[in-house]
Protein backbone atom coordinates (compact mmCIF):
# COMPACT_ATOMS: atom_id res chain seq x y z
CA MET A 1 -6.28 -9.22 31.76
CA SER A 2 -10.03 -7.00 30.28
CA GLU A 3 -8.52 -4.50 32.16
CA PHE A 4 -5.18 -4.40 30.81
CA PHE A 5 -7.07 -3.41 27.42
CA LEU A 6 -9.57 -1.59 28.87
CA THR A 7 -6.11 0.97 30.09
CA LEU A 8 -5.24 0.77 26.48
CA ARG A 9 -8.43 2.06 25.02
CA SER A 10 -8.25 4.61 27.20
CA ALA A 11 -4.52 5.52 26.49
CA GLY A 12 -6.11 6.17 22.82
CA ARG A 13 -5.07 3.46 21.18
CA SER A 14 -7.58 2.20 17.86
CA LYS A 15 -9.48 -0.44 18.11
CA ARG A 16 -6.90 -1.96 15.40
CA THR A 17 -3.84 -1.74 17.75
CA ILE A 18 -5.54 -3.72 20.37
CA GLU A 19 -6.71 -6.72 18.60
CA GLY A 20 -3.18 -7.14 17.59
CA TYR A 21 -1.94 -6.86 21.50
CA LYS A 22 -5.30 -9.70 22.19
CA SER A 23 -3.67 -11.30 19.01
CA ASP A 24 -0.08 -10.98 20.47
CA ILE A 25 -1.26 -11.86 23.72
CA ARG A 26 -3.39 -14.98 23.03
CA SER A 27 0.12 -16.78 20.69
CA TRP A 28 1.86 -16.23 25.24
CA GLU A 29 -1.49 -17.26 27.01
CA ARG A 30 -0.99 -20.99 24.41
CA TYR A 31 3.38 -20.94 25.31
CA VAL A 32 2.93 -21.30 28.77
CA MET A 33 0.15 -24.31 28.09
CA GLY A 34 1.84 -25.51 26.44
CA ASN A 35 5.01 -25.53 28.47
CA LYS A 36 3.13 -25.88 31.96
CA ILE A 37 4.88 -21.89 32.87
CA SER A 38 2.13 -20.51 35.56
CA SER A 39 1.03 -17.76 33.62
CA VAL A 40 2.46 -15.29 30.83
CA TYR A 41 3.56 -13.18 34.20
CA ASN A 42 5.72 -16.22 35.40
CA LEU A 43 8.00 -15.90 31.85
CA LYS A 44 11.56 -15.70 32.57
CA VAL A 45 13.96 -14.63 30.44
CA LYS A 46 14.98 -18.13 29.10
CA ASP A 47 11.29 -19.14 28.29
CA ILE A 48 10.96 -16.14 26.19
CA GLU A 49 13.84 -16.13 24.27
CA ALA A 50 12.77 -20.07 23.45
CA ALA A 51 9.82 -19.27 22.77
CA ILE A 52 10.44 -16.86 19.88
CA ALA A 53 13.89 -18.40 18.92
CA TYR A 54 12.42 -19.93 15.56
CA LYS A 55 9.84 -17.79 15.21
CA ASP A 56 9.62 -15.13 12.27
CA ILE A 57 12.31 -11.96 13.03
CA ASN A 58 9.48 -9.46 12.71
CA THR A 59 6.48 -11.32 14.28
CA ALA A 60 8.71 -12.11 17.41
CA ARG A 61 9.71 -7.95 17.58
CA ARG A 62 6.03 -7.69 17.49
CA HIS A 63 5.43 -11.06 20.35
CA ILE A 64 7.77 -8.78 21.85
CA ALA A 65 6.66 -4.90 21.94
CA ALA A 66 2.98 -7.23 23.40
CA LEU A 67 4.77 -8.85 26.19
CA LYS A 68 6.43 -5.00 26.87
CA THR A 69 3.23 -3.17 26.94
CA LEU A 70 1.67 -5.87 29.58
CA ALA A 71 4.58 -6.34 31.22
CA LYS A 72 4.64 -2.27 31.87
CA TRP A 73 1.16 -2.90 32.79
CA HIS A 74 2.34 -4.62 35.26
CA LEU A 75 4.49 -2.39 37.05
CA ARG A 76 2.54 0.07 37.26
CA ASN A 77 0.36 -2.28 39.42
CA GLY A 78 3.41 -2.85 41.63
CA HIS A 79 4.28 -6.19 39.74
CA PRO A 80 8.01 -5.79 38.16
CA ALA A 81 8.63 -9.26 37.65
CA LEU A 82 8.38 -9.40 33.99
CA HIS A 83 9.44 -5.62 33.37
CA ILE A 84 13.01 -7.14 34.69
CA GLU A 85 13.24 -10.16 33.33
CA LEU A 86 12.15 -8.33 30.00
CA GLU A 87 15.29 -5.63 30.60
CA LYS A 88 17.48 -9.41 30.55
CA LEU A 89 16.79 -10.31 26.90
CA MET A 90 18.55 -8.99 23.40
CA LEU A 91 15.86 -7.61 21.37
CA PRO A 92 16.35 -9.52 17.30
CA LYS A 93 16.70 -7.35 15.04
CA GLY A 94 14.17 -6.64 12.40
CA LYS A 95 14.33 -7.12 8.63
CA SER A 96 15.28 -4.34 6.73
CA ARG A 97 12.84 -4.09 3.29
CA ILE A 98 11.94 -1.88 0.61
CA PRO A 99 8.39 -0.85 0.49
CA LYS A 100 6.71 -2.56 -2.40
CA ALA A 101 5.91 0.10 -4.47
CA LYS A 102 4.51 0.98 -8.41
CA GLU A 103 6.60 2.25 -10.71
CA ALA A 104 5.99 5.57 -11.84
CA LYS A 105 3.32 4.36 -14.96
CA GLU A 106 1.32 2.02 -13.11
CA PHE A 107 1.18 4.96 -11.43
CA ILE A 108 -0.24 7.49 -13.70
CA GLU A 109 -2.29 4.30 -14.89
CA ILE A 110 -3.73 3.45 -11.43
CA ARG A 111 -4.35 8.07 -11.39
CA GLU A 112 -6.21 7.37 -14.37
CA GLN A 113 -8.56 4.87 -13.80
CA ALA A 114 -8.85 6.48 -10.25
CA LYS A 115 -10.16 9.82 -12.03
CA GLU A 116 -12.70 7.64 -14.68
CA LEU A 117 -13.90 6.05 -11.63
CA THR A 118 -14.44 8.80 -10.08
CA ARG A 119 -16.47 10.74 -12.91
CA GLN A 120 -18.27 7.99 -13.55
CA GLY A 121 -19.61 8.24 -9.47
CA ASN A 122 -18.46 5.36 -8.74
CA ARG A 123 -17.02 5.69 -5.04
CA ARG A 124 -13.94 3.00 -6.11
CA GLY A 125 -12.02 5.83 -7.62
CA ILE A 126 -12.23 7.66 -4.64
CA TRP A 127 -10.68 5.05 -2.46
CA LEU A 128 -7.65 4.53 -5.22
CA GLY A 129 -7.16 7.84 -4.94
CA LEU A 130 -6.92 8.53 -0.89
CA MET A 131 -4.82 5.76 -0.87
CA LEU A 132 -3.03 6.55 -4.24
CA ASN A 133 -2.92 10.03 -4.49
CA CYS A 134 -3.01 10.81 -0.49
CA GLY A 135 -1.18 8.33 0.82
CA LEU A 136 -3.76 7.35 2.95
CA ARG A 137 -3.52 3.58 4.78
CA ILE A 138 -6.66 2.22 4.20
CA SER A 139 -8.63 2.45 7.91
CA GLU A 140 -8.13 5.96 7.42
CA ILE A 141 -10.73 6.09 3.82
CA GLN A 142 -13.51 5.86 6.99
CA THR A 143 -12.67 9.38 8.74
CA ALA A 144 -11.58 11.16 5.55
CA VAL A 145 -13.29 14.12 5.59
CA PRO A 146 -12.53 16.61 2.59
CA GLY A 147 -11.58 20.81 2.66
CA ALA A 148 -10.61 22.96 -0.04
CA ASP A 149 -7.85 21.42 -1.73
CA TRP A 150 -6.99 18.76 1.45
CA VAL A 151 -8.28 16.07 3.12
CA GLN A 152 -8.89 15.45 6.80
CA VAL A 153 -8.42 12.14 8.07
CA ARG A 154 -7.41 10.37 11.30
CA GLY A 155 -4.99 8.47 11.51
CA LYS A 156 -3.15 5.45 14.34
CA GLY A 157 -2.99 7.41 17.87
CA ASP A 158 -5.94 8.76 17.14
CA LYS A 159 -3.84 12.15 16.21
CA GLU A 160 -5.83 14.18 13.27
CA ARG A 161 -4.04 15.84 9.86
CA ARG A 162 -4.81 16.91 6.93
CA ILE A 163 -3.11 16.00 3.53
CA PRO A 164 -3.66 18.16 -0.13
CA CYS A 165 -5.64 16.31 -1.93
CA PRO A 166 -6.18 16.92 -6.00
CA PRO A 167 -9.22 18.93 -7.21
CA TRP A 168 -10.79 16.29 -8.74
CA LEU A 169 -10.84 14.14 -5.57
CA VAL A 170 -11.97 16.17 -3.72
CA LYS A 171 -15.01 17.46 -5.60
CA ALA A 172 -15.84 13.36 -6.43
CA MET A 173 -15.62 13.71 -2.37
CA ILE A 174 -18.32 16.69 -1.99
CA ASP A 175 -20.38 15.25 -4.45
CA SER A 176 -20.24 11.93 -2.45
CA PRO A 177 -22.20 10.78 0.30
CA GLY A 178 -19.41 10.20 3.24
CA SER A 179 -21.82 7.75 6.02
CA GLY A 180 -24.04 5.43 5.12
CA ARG A 181 -25.24 3.10 2.75
CA LYS A 182 -23.56 4.12 -0.58
CA GLY A 183 -20.67 6.90 0.94
CA TYR A 184 -17.51 6.25 0.44
CA MET A 185 -16.43 6.48 4.13
CA LYS A 186 -16.80 2.44 4.21
CA LYS A 187 -14.67 -0.13 6.41
CA ARG A 188 -11.32 -2.00 5.24
CA GLN A 189 -12.83 -5.00 4.71
CA ILE A 190 -15.76 -3.66 1.80
CA ILE A 191 -13.14 -1.52 0.36
CA ASP A 192 -11.03 -4.45 0.14
CA ARG A 193 -13.87 -6.74 -1.13
CA GLU A 194 -14.50 -4.58 -3.98
CA LEU A 195 -11.18 -3.61 -4.62
CA ARG A 196 -10.57 -6.77 -5.92
CA THR A 197 -12.80 -6.93 -7.81
CA LEU A 198 -11.66 -4.36 -10.55
CA GLY A 199 -8.28 -6.79 -9.95
CA HIS A 200 -6.28 -4.53 -6.82
CA THR A 201 -4.78 -6.15 -4.32
CA HIS A 202 -2.04 -5.06 -2.21
CA PHE A 203 -3.63 -1.60 -1.06
CA HIS A 204 -0.73 -0.87 1.19
CA SER A 205 1.40 -0.62 -1.66
CA LEU A 206 -0.72 2.48 -2.92
CA ARG A 207 0.33 4.41 -0.08
CA HIS A 208 4.12 3.32 -0.52
CA THR A 209 3.10 4.40 -4.15
CA TYR A 210 2.61 8.00 -2.95
CA ALA A 211 5.28 7.91 -0.81
CA THR A 212 8.38 7.30 -3.60
CA ILE A 213 6.87 9.11 -6.49
CA LEU A 214 6.88 12.31 -2.88
CA LEU A 215 10.73 11.35 -2.17
CA HIS A 216 12.48 10.57 -6.29
CA ARG A 217 10.36 14.23 -6.83
CA GLY A 218 12.22 16.08 -4.77
CA MET A 219 10.32 16.15 -1.49
CA LEU A 220 12.34 15.87 1.98
CA LEU A 221 11.25 12.86 4.05
CA ASP A 222 9.94 15.20 6.90
CA GLU A 223 7.48 16.40 4.80
CA ILE A 224 6.86 13.33 3.75
CA GLN A 225 6.42 11.62 7.36
CA LYS A 226 3.92 14.28 8.49
CA LEU A 227 1.93 13.64 5.15
CA LEU A 228 2.08 9.68 5.79
CA GLY A 229 1.49 10.48 9.77
CA HIS A 230 4.60 8.58 10.80
CA SER A 231 5.38 9.46 15.19
CA SER A 232 8.41 8.99 13.86
CA ILE A 233 11.63 10.01 10.93
CA SER A 234 12.70 6.19 10.88
CA THR A 235 9.61 4.73 9.89
CA THR A 236 9.48 6.91 6.81
CA GLN A 237 13.42 6.45 6.29
CA ILE A 238 12.98 3.66 4.67
CA TYR A 239 11.55 5.07 1.43
CA ALA A 240 15.39 6.09 1.49
CA GLN A 241 16.20 2.91 0.28
CA THR A 242 14.36 3.23 -2.66
CA LYS A 243 16.52 6.19 -4.27
CA LEU A 244 19.64 5.38 -5.74
CA PRO A 245 22.16 8.09 -6.77
CA GLU A 246 22.72 8.72 -10.22
CA GLY A 247 24.87 8.59 -12.27
CA VAL A 248 27.05 5.09 -10.87
CA ASN A 249 26.71 3.19 -14.00
CA GLU A 250 28.62 6.08 -15.69
CA LEU A 251 30.76 6.31 -13.71
CA LEU A 252 32.16 2.44 -13.75
CA GLU A 253 32.01 2.60 -17.29
CA ASN A 254 34.61 5.92 -17.50
CA ASP A 255 37.50 4.32 -18.39
CA ASP A 256 39.08 7.74 -17.58
């Protein structure tokens, strides 16, 4: 199995993605041990269906995605059995959820808090600003480098992108050390811990807020897709669920 994870690393998969695959594959290993199946490779479609039958749908889809990646690796090495079994599987549909974004009033409050923190030279303001005003994933902050009026980051799949960045945030990043003990380029665990002391939780909602505010103010989905670093527009389309057609209540109240 170590060779499989080495292949993922050579394909440019992020450390976090690989850790996720490891966790999912361990779940399959526990299942085969508990059901006296010789190995994960020897799973049959009926075994796979039994394993995911009572799991949360999104968890089941994630476990299947990891198993499919492993099956492709085996197929490449001349062992097609698991791949053939997975081709027989009817994949469960994922749950459709509306992104949990902040209200416009909360957006303004957090933005102003971030500005005040940066004026005080507090790096927590940079972290809030990068997630709320640039839509960064918390894991991307450790790669963020300021430009003239933009910030450059390295996201999923080691892909780089540039995002417009407000002047107050660019200045704060330039004035603050990036790397080093007191720098802003920190891993998610440190950022998470320090921002919780300010009362913030559910940090991905800041990224959702960024996308939702832009959509509601007229930006097109394909432009938001590029800013967020989504590889597929289908991922960005979840934000369309937050935008309601105008005038519905008025039409229903009209007696003409």
